[in-house]
Amino acid sequence: RRKRTFLIVALVLIALALAATYYAFTHSKGATGA
């Protein structure tokens, strides 16, 4: 159970990191285009 919990937490953190990176990239591109 501890291993599964750790894996789920790791996947959630990775997803949050990717979402943050995508948001930062698109925001930066829109600002540069403008």
All heavy atoms as atom14 arrays in JSON, in Angstrom:
{
  "sequence": "RRKRTFLIVALVLIALALAATYYAFTHSKGATGA",
  "atom14_mask": [
    [1, 1, 1, 1, 1, 1, 1, 1, 1, 1, 1, 0, 0, 0],
    [1, 1, 1, 1, 1, 1, 1, 1, 1, 1, 1, 0, 0, 0],
    [1, 1, 1, 1, 1, 1, 1, 1, 1, 0, 0, 0, 0, 0],
    [1, 1, 1, 1, 1, 1, 1, 1, 1, 1, 1, 0, 0, 0],
    [1, 1, 1, 1, 1, 1, 1, 0, 0, 0, 0, 0, 0, 0],
    [1, 1, 1, 1, 1, 1, 1, 1, 1, 1, 1, 0, 0, 0],
    [1, 1, 1, 1, 1, 1, 1, 1, 0, 0, 0, 0, 0, 0],
    [1, 1, 1, 1, 1, 1, 1, 1, 0, 0, 0, 0, 0, 0],
    [1, 1, 1, 1, 1, 1, 1, 0, 0, 0, 0, 0, 0, 0],
    [1, 1, 1, 1, 1, 0, 0, 0, 0, 0, 0, 0, 0, 0],
    [1, 1, 1, 1, 1, 1, 1, 1, 0, 0, 0, 0, 0, 0],
    [1, 1, 1, 1, 1, 1, 1, 0, 0, 0, 0, 0, 0, 0],
    [1, 1, 1, 1, 1, 1, 1, 1, 0, 0, 0, 0, 0, 0],
    [1, 1, 1, 1, 1, 1, 1, 1, 0, 0, 0, 0, 0, 0],
    [1, 1, 1, 1, 1, 0, 0, 0, 0, 0, 0, 0, 0, 0],
    [1, 1, 1, 1, 1, 1, 1, 1, 0, 0, 0, 0, 0, 0],
    [1, 1, 1, 1, 1, 0, 0, 0, 0, 0, 0, 0, 0, 0],
    [1, 1, 1, 1, 1, 1, 1, 1, 0, 0, 0, 0, 0, 0],
    [1, 1, 1, 1, 1, 0, 0, 0, 0, 0, 0, 0, 0, 0],
    [1, 1, 1, 1, 1, 0, 0, 0, 0, 0, 0, 0, 0, 0],
    [1, 1, 1, 1, 1, 1, 1, 0, 0, 0, 0, 0, 0, 0],
    [1, 1, 1, 1, 1, 1, 1, 1, 1, 1, 1, 1, 0, 0],
    [1, 1, 1, 1, 1, 1, 1, 1, 1, 1, 1, 1, 0, 0],
    [1, 1, 1, 1, 1, 0, 0, 0, 0, 0, 0, 0, 0, 0],
    [1, 1, 1, 1, 1, 1, 1, 1, 1, 1, 1, 0, 0, 0],
    [1, 1, 1, 1, 1, 1, 1, 0, 0, 0, 0, 0, 0, 0],
    [1, 1, 1, 1, 1, 1, 1, 1, 1, 1, 0, 0, 0, 0],
    [1, 1, 1, 1, 1, 1, 0, 0, 0, 0, 0, 0, 0, 0],
    [1, 1, 1, 1, 1, 1, 1, 1, 1, 0, 0, 0, 0, 0],
    [1, 1, 1, 1, 0, 0, 0, 0, 0, 0, 0, 0, 0, 0],
    [1, 1, 1, 1, 1, 0, 0, 0, 0, 0, 0, 0, 0, 0],
    [1, 1, 1, 1, 1, 1, 1, 0, 0, 0, 0, 0, 0, 0],
    [1, 1, 1, 1, 0, 0, 0, 0, 0, 0, 0, 0, 0, 0],
    [1, 1, 1, 1, 1, 0, 0, 0, 0, 0, 0, 0, 0, 0]
  ],
  "atom14_positions": [
    [[0.83, -1.21, 0.0], [0.0, 0.0, 0.0], [0.86, 1.25, 0.0], [0.55, 2.24, -0.67], [-0.91, -0.02, 1.22], [-2.15, -0.92, 1.04], [-3.18, -0.6, 2.1], [-2.67, -0.88, 3.45], [-2.78, -2.07, 4.04], [-3.39, -3.06, 3.43], [-2.3, -2.25, 5.26], [0.0, 0.0, 0.0], [0.0, 0.0, 0.0], [0.0, 0.0, 0.0]],
    [[1.96, 1.23, 0.73], [2.85, 2.39, 0.76], [3.46, 2.66, -0.61], [3.56, 3.8, -1.05], [3.96, 2.16, 1.8], [3.48, 2.33, 3.25], [4.68, 2.47, 4.17], [5.5, 1.27, 4.16], [5.31, 0.23, 4.96], [4.32, 0.22, 5.83], [6.11, -0.82, 4.89], [0.0, 0.0, 0.0], [0.0, 0.0, 0.0], [0.0, 0.0, 0.0]],
    [[3.81, 1.59, -1.32], [4.4, 1.76, -2.67], [3.38, 2.37, -3.62], [3.67, 3.26, -4.41], [4.9, 0.42, -3.19], [6.15, -0.06, -2.48], [6.62, -1.37, -3.09], [7.9, -1.87, -2.4], [8.38, -3.15, -2.98], [0.0, 0.0, 0.0], [0.0, 0.0, 0.0], [0.0, 0.0, 0.0], [0.0, 0.0, 0.0], [0.0, 0.0, 0.0]],
    [[2.12, 1.85, -3.58], [1.1, 2.39, -4.47], [0.82, 3.85, -4.16], [0.65, 4.68, -5.06], [-0.18, 1.56, -4.33], [-0.11, 0.21, -5.03], [-1.51, -0.34, -5.26], [-2.21, -0.53, -4.01], [-2.15, -1.66, -3.29], [-1.42, -2.68, -3.7], [-2.85, -1.78, -2.16], [0.0, 0.0, 0.0], [0.0, 0.0, 0.0], [0.0, 0.0, 0.0]],
    [[0.8, 4.18, -2.91], [0.55, 5.58, -2.52], [1.67, 6.47, -3.03], [1.43, 7.58, -3.56], [0.42, 5.68, -0.99], [-0.62, 4.82, -0.56], [0.12, 7.11, -0.58], [0.0, 0.0, 0.0], [0.0, 0.0, 0.0], [0.0, 0.0, 0.0], [0.0, 0.0, 0.0], [0.0, 0.0, 0.0], [0.0, 0.0, 0.0], [0.0, 0.0, 0.0]],
    [[2.91, 5.99, -2.89], [4.05, 6.79, -3.36], [3.99, 6.99, -4.88], [4.26, 8.08, -5.39], [5.34, 6.07, -2.95], [6.58, 6.76, -3.46], [7.05, 7.92, -2.83], [7.26, 6.27, -4.57], [8.19, 8.55, -3.31], [8.38, 6.91, -5.04], [8.86, 8.06, -4.41], [0.0, 0.0, 0.0], [0.0, 0.0, 0.0], [0.0, 0.0, 0.0]],
    [[3.6, 5.91, -5.6], [3.53, 6.01, -7.06], [2.45, 7.0, -7.5], [2.64, 7.79, -8.42], [3.25, 4.62, -7.64], [3.15, 4.54, -9.18], [4.46, 4.98, -9.81], [2.81, 3.11, -9.61], [0.0, 0.0, 0.0], [0.0, 0.0, 0.0], [0.0, 0.0, 0.0], [0.0, 0.0, 0.0], [0.0, 0.0, 0.0], [0.0, 0.0, 0.0]],
    [[1.31, 6.95, -6.83], [0.22, 7.87, -7.19], [0.63, 9.3, -6.94], [0.4, 10.21, -7.76], [-1.05, 7.51, -6.39], [-1.6, 6.16, -6.88], [-2.11, 8.6, -6.54], [-2.73, 5.64, -6.02], [0.0, 0.0, 0.0], [0.0, 0.0, 0.0], [0.0, 0.0, 0.0], [0.0, 0.0, 0.0], [0.0, 0.0, 0.0], [0.0, 0.0, 0.0]],
    [[1.29, 9.53, -5.8], [1.75, 10.91, -5.48], [2.76, 11.38, -6.51], [2.73, 12.53, -6.97], [2.33, 10.94, -4.05], [2.98, 12.29, -3.78], [1.23, 10.68, -3.02], [0.0, 0.0, 0.0], [0.0, 0.0, 0.0], [0.0, 0.0, 0.0], [0.0, 0.0, 0.0], [0.0, 0.0, 0.0], [0.0, 0.0, 0.0], [0.0, 0.0, 0.0]],
    [[3.67, 10.49, -6.93], [4.69, 10.87, -7.92], [4.04, 11.24, -9.25], [4.42, 12.23, -9.91], [5.68, 9.74, -8.1], [0.0, 0.0, 0.0], [0.0, 0.0, 0.0], [0.0, 0.0, 0.0], [0.0, 0.0, 0.0], [0.0, 0.0, 0.0], [0.0, 0.0, 0.0], [0.0, 0.0, 0.0], [0.0, 0.0, 0.0], [0.0, 0.0, 0.0]],
    [[3.05, 10.45, -9.67], [2.38, 10.74, -10.93], [1.63, 12.06, -10.88], [1.63, 12.84, -11.84], [1.41, 9.6, -11.29], [2.05, 8.26, -11.66], [0.96, 7.2, -11.85], [2.88, 8.41, -12.92], [0.0, 0.0, 0.0], [0.0, 0.0, 0.0], [0.0, 0.0, 0.0], [0.0, 0.0, 0.0], [0.0, 0.0, 0.0], [0.0, 0.0, 0.0]],
    [[1.0, 12.33, -9.76], [0.28, 13.61, -9.61], [1.25, 14.78, -9.69], [1.0, 15.8, -10.34], [-0.52, 13.62, -8.3], [-1.07, 15.03, -8.02], [-1.66, 12.62, -8.37], [0.0, 0.0, 0.0], [0.0, 0.0, 0.0], [0.0, 0.0, 0.0], [0.0, 0.0, 0.0], [0.0, 0.0, 0.0], [0.0, 0.0, 0.0], [0.0, 0.0, 0.0]],
    [[2.42, 14.64, -9.04], [3.4, 15.72, -9.07], [3.94, 15.95, -10.49], [4.14, 17.09, -10.91], [4.56, 15.37, -8.12], [4.2, 15.38, -6.62], [5.39, 14.93, -5.77], [3.75, 16.79, -6.17], [0.0, 0.0, 0.0], [0.0, 0.0, 0.0], [0.0, 0.0, 0.0], [0.0, 0.0, 0.0], [0.0, 0.0, 0.0], [0.0, 0.0, 0.0]],
    [[4.17, 14.84, -11.21], [4.66, 14.98, -12.59], [3.63, 15.69, -13.46], [3.95, 16.56, -14.27], [5.02, 13.6, -13.17], [6.25, 13.03, -12.45], [5.29, 13.69, -14.67], [6.57, 11.61, -12.83], [0.0, 0.0, 0.0], [0.0, 0.0, 0.0], [0.0, 0.0, 0.0], [0.0, 0.0, 0.0], [0.0, 0.0, 0.0], [0.0, 0.0, 0.0]],
    [[2.34, 15.32, -13.3], [1.29, 15.95, -14.08], [1.19, 17.44, -13.78], [1.03, 18.27, -14.67], [-0.05, 15.27, -13.8], [0.0, 0.0, 0.0], [0.0, 0.0, 0.0], [0.0, 0.0, 0.0], [0.0, 0.0, 0.0], [0.0, 0.0, 0.0], [0.0, 0.0, 0.0], [0.0, 0.0, 0.0], [0.0, 0.0, 0.0], [0.0, 0.0, 0.0]],
    [[1.31, 17.79, -12.5], [1.28, 19.21, -12.14], [2.46, 19.97, -12.73], [2.33, 21.11, -13.19], [1.26, 19.34, -10.61], [-0.02, 18.88, -9.9], [0.15, 18.93, -8.38], [-1.19, 19.74, -10.32], [0.0, 0.0, 0.0], [0.0, 0.0, 0.0], [0.0, 0.0, 0.0], [0.0, 0.0, 0.0], [0.0, 0.0, 0.0], [0.0, 0.0, 0.0]],
    [[3.63, 19.31, -12.74], [4.81, 19.97, -13.31], [4.64, 20.2, -14.81], [4.98, 21.27, -15.33], [6.05, 19.12, -13.03], [0.0, 0.0, 0.0], [0.0, 0.0, 0.0], [0.0, 0.0, 0.0], [0.0, 0.0, 0.0], [0.0, 0.0, 0.0], [0.0, 0.0, 0.0], [0.0, 0.0, 0.0], [0.0, 0.0, 0.0], [0.0, 0.0, 0.0]],
    [[4.1, 19.2, -15.52], [3.88, 19.37, -16.95], [2.86, 20.45, -17.24], [3.01, 21.25, -18.17], [3.41, 18.03, -17.56], [4.45, 16.91, -17.6], [3.82, 15.62, -18.1], [5.62, 17.31, -18.51], [0.0, 0.0, 0.0], [0.0, 0.0, 0.0], [0.0, 0.0, 0.0], [0.0, 0.0, 0.0], [0.0, 0.0, 0.0], [0.0, 0.0, 0.0]],
    [[1.78, 20.49, -16.45], [0.77, 21.52, -16.64], [1.36, 22.91, -16.42], [1.08, 23.86, -17.17], [-0.41, 21.28, -15.7], [0.0, 0.0, 0.0], [0.0, 0.0, 0.0], [0.0, 0.0, 0.0], [0.0, 0.0, 0.0], [0.0, 0.0, 0.0], [0.0, 0.0, 0.0], [0.0, 0.0, 0.0], [0.0, 0.0, 0.0], [0.0, 0.0, 0.0]],
    [[2.2, 23.02, -15.41], [2.81, 24.32, -15.14], [3.75, 24.73, -16.27], [3.8, 25.9, -16.69], [3.56, 24.26, -13.8], [0.0, 0.0, 0.0], [0.0, 0.0, 0.0], [0.0, 0.0, 0.0], [0.0, 0.0, 0.0], [0.0, 0.0, 0.0], [0.0, 0.0, 0.0], [0.0, 0.0, 0.0], [0.0, 0.0, 0.0], [0.0, 0.0, 0.0]],
    [[4.51, 23.76, -16.8], [5.43, 24.06, -17.9], [4.67, 24.49, -19.15], [5.05, 25.45, -19.83], [6.28, 22.83, -18.22], [6.97, 22.43, -17.03], [7.29, 23.13, -19.31], [0.0, 0.0, 0.0], [0.0, 0.0, 0.0], [0.0, 0.0, 0.0], [0.0, 0.0, 0.0], [0.0, 0.0, 0.0], [0.0, 0.0, 0.0], [0.0, 0.0, 0.0]],
    [[3.59, 23.78, -19.48], [2.77, 24.13, -20.66], [2.17, 25.54, -20.52], [2.18, 26.33, -21.45], [1.67, 23.1, -20.84], [0.71, 23.43, -21.97], [1.08, 23.25, -23.29], [-0.55, 23.95, -21.68], [0.2, 23.57, -24.32], [-1.42, 24.29, -22.69], [-1.04, 24.08, -24.02], [-1.91, 24.41, -25.03], [0.0, 0.0, 0.0], [0.0, 0.0, 0.0]],
    [[1.68, 25.83, -19.32], [1.09, 27.16, -19.09], [2.14, 28.26, -19.26], [1.91, 29.28, -19.91], [0.46, 27.21, -17.7], [-0.06, 28.58, -17.34], [-1.27, 29.02, -17.87], [0.67, 29.42, -16.49], [-1.76, 30.29, -17.55], [0.19, 30.68, -16.19], [-1.02, 31.12, -16.7], [-1.49, 32.36, -16.4], [0.0, 0.0, 0.0], [0.0, 0.0, 0.0]],
    [[3.33, 28.01, -18.69], [4.38, 29.01, -18.8], [4.82, 29.21, -20.24], [5.06, 30.34, -20.7], [5.58, 28.59, -17.93], [0.0, 0.0, 0.0], [0.0, 0.0, 0.0], [0.0, 0.0, 0.0], [0.0, 0.0, 0.0], [0.0, 0.0, 0.0], [0.0, 0.0, 0.0], [0.0, 0.0, 0.0], [0.0, 0.0, 0.0], [0.0, 0.0, 0.0]],
    [[4.89, 28.09, -21.02], [5.33, 28.2, -22.42], [4.32, 28.97, -23.27], [4.68, 29.87, -24.02], [5.54, 26.79, -22.98], [5.89, 26.77, -24.44], [7.17, 27.1, -24.88], [4.93, 26.43, -25.38], [7.46, 27.09, -26.22], [5.23, 26.43, -26.71], [6.51, 26.76, -27.14], [0.0, 0.0, 0.0], [0.0, 0.0, 0.0], [0.0, 0.0, 0.0]],
    [[3.05, 28.58, -23.16], [2.02, 29.27, -23.96], [1.87, 30.72, -23.56], [1.67, 31.59, -24.4], [0.69, 28.54, -23.82], [0.34, 28.46, -22.42], [0.76, 27.14, -24.4], [0.0, 0.0, 0.0], [0.0, 0.0, 0.0], [0.0, 0.0, 0.0], [0.0, 0.0, 0.0], [0.0, 0.0, 0.0], [0.0, 0.0, 0.0], [0.0, 0.0, 0.0]],
    [[1.99, 31.03, -22.35], [1.89, 32.42, -21.9], [3.03, 33.26, -22.42], [2.86, 34.38, -22.91], [1.85, 32.45, -20.37], [1.73, 33.85, -19.82], [0.55, 34.57, -19.9], [2.64, 34.66, -19.2], [0.72, 35.76, -19.36], [1.99, 35.84, -18.93], [0.0, 0.0, 0.0], [0.0, 0.0, 0.0], [0.0, 0.0, 0.0], [0.0, 0.0, 0.0]],
    [[4.24, 32.63, -22.41], [5.41, 33.35, -22.92], [5.3, 33.57, -24.42], [5.62, 34.64, -24.94], [6.68, 32.56, -22.59], [7.8, 33.16, -23.18], [0.0, 0.0, 0.0], [0.0, 0.0, 0.0], [0.0, 0.0, 0.0], [0.0, 0.0, 0.0], [0.0, 0.0, 0.0], [0.0, 0.0, 0.0], [0.0, 0.0, 0.0], [0.0, 0.0, 0.0]],
    [[4.81, 32.54, -25.19], [4.67, 32.67, -26.65], [3.65, 33.74, -27.01], [3.83, 34.53, -27.93], [4.26, 31.33, -27.24], [4.15, 31.32, -28.74], [3.78, 29.96, -29.25], [3.65, 29.97, -30.76], [3.26, 28.63, -31.28], [0.0, 0.0, 0.0], [0.0, 0.0, 0.0], [0.0, 0.0, 0.0], [0.0, 0.0, 0.0], [0.0, 0.0, 0.0]],
    [[2.52, 33.76, -26.29], [1.49, 34.76, -26.57], [2.01, 36.16, -26.32], [1.72, 37.09, -27.08], [0.0, 0.0, 0.0], [0.0, 0.0, 0.0], [0.0, 0.0, 0.0], [0.0, 0.0, 0.0], [0.0, 0.0, 0.0], [0.0, 0.0, 0.0], [0.0, 0.0, 0.0], [0.0, 0.0, 0.0], [0.0, 0.0, 0.0], [0.0, 0.0, 0.0]],
    [[2.78, 36.3, -25.29], [3.33, 37.64, -24.99], [4.31, 38.06, -26.06], [4.31, 39.21, -26.52], [4.0, 37.62, -23.61], [0.0, 0.0, 0.0], [0.0, 0.0, 0.0], [0.0, 0.0, 0.0], [0.0, 0.0, 0.0], [0.0, 0.0, 0.0], [0.0, 0.0, 0.0], [0.0, 0.0, 0.0], [0.0, 0.0, 0.0], [0.0, 0.0, 0.0]],
    [[5.17, 37.1, -26.52], [6.15, 37.44, -27.56], [5.46, 37.8, -28.86], [5.84, 38.74, -29.56], [7.11, 36.26, -27.78], [7.71, 35.92, -26.53], [8.16, 36.61, -28.8], [0.0, 0.0, 0.0], [0.0, 0.0, 0.0], [0.0, 0.0, 0.0], [0.0, 0.0, 0.0], [0.0, 0.0, 0.0], [0.0, 0.0, 0.0], [0.0, 0.0, 0.0]],
    [[4.41, 37.01, -29.25], [3.66, 37.29, -30.48], [2.99, 38.64, -30.42], [2.92, 39.37, -31.4], [0.0, 0.0, 0.0], [0.0, 0.0, 0.0], [0.0, 0.0, 0.0], [0.0, 0.0, 0.0], [0.0, 0.0, 0.0], [0.0, 0.0, 0.0], [0.0, 0.0, 0.0], [0.0, 0.0, 0.0], [0.0, 0.0, 0.0], [0.0, 0.0, 0.0]],
    [[2.44, 38.99, -29.28], [1.78, 40.29, -29.15], [2.77, 41.42, -29.28], [2.45, 42.49, -29.82], [1.06, 40.36, -27.8], [0.0, 0.0, 0.0], [0.0, 0.0, 0.0], [0.0, 0.0, 0.0], [0.0, 0.0, 0.0], [0.0, 0.0, 0.0], [0.0, 0.0, 0.0], [0.0, 0.0, 0.0], [0.0, 0.0, 0.0], [0.0, 0.0, 0.0]]
  ]
}
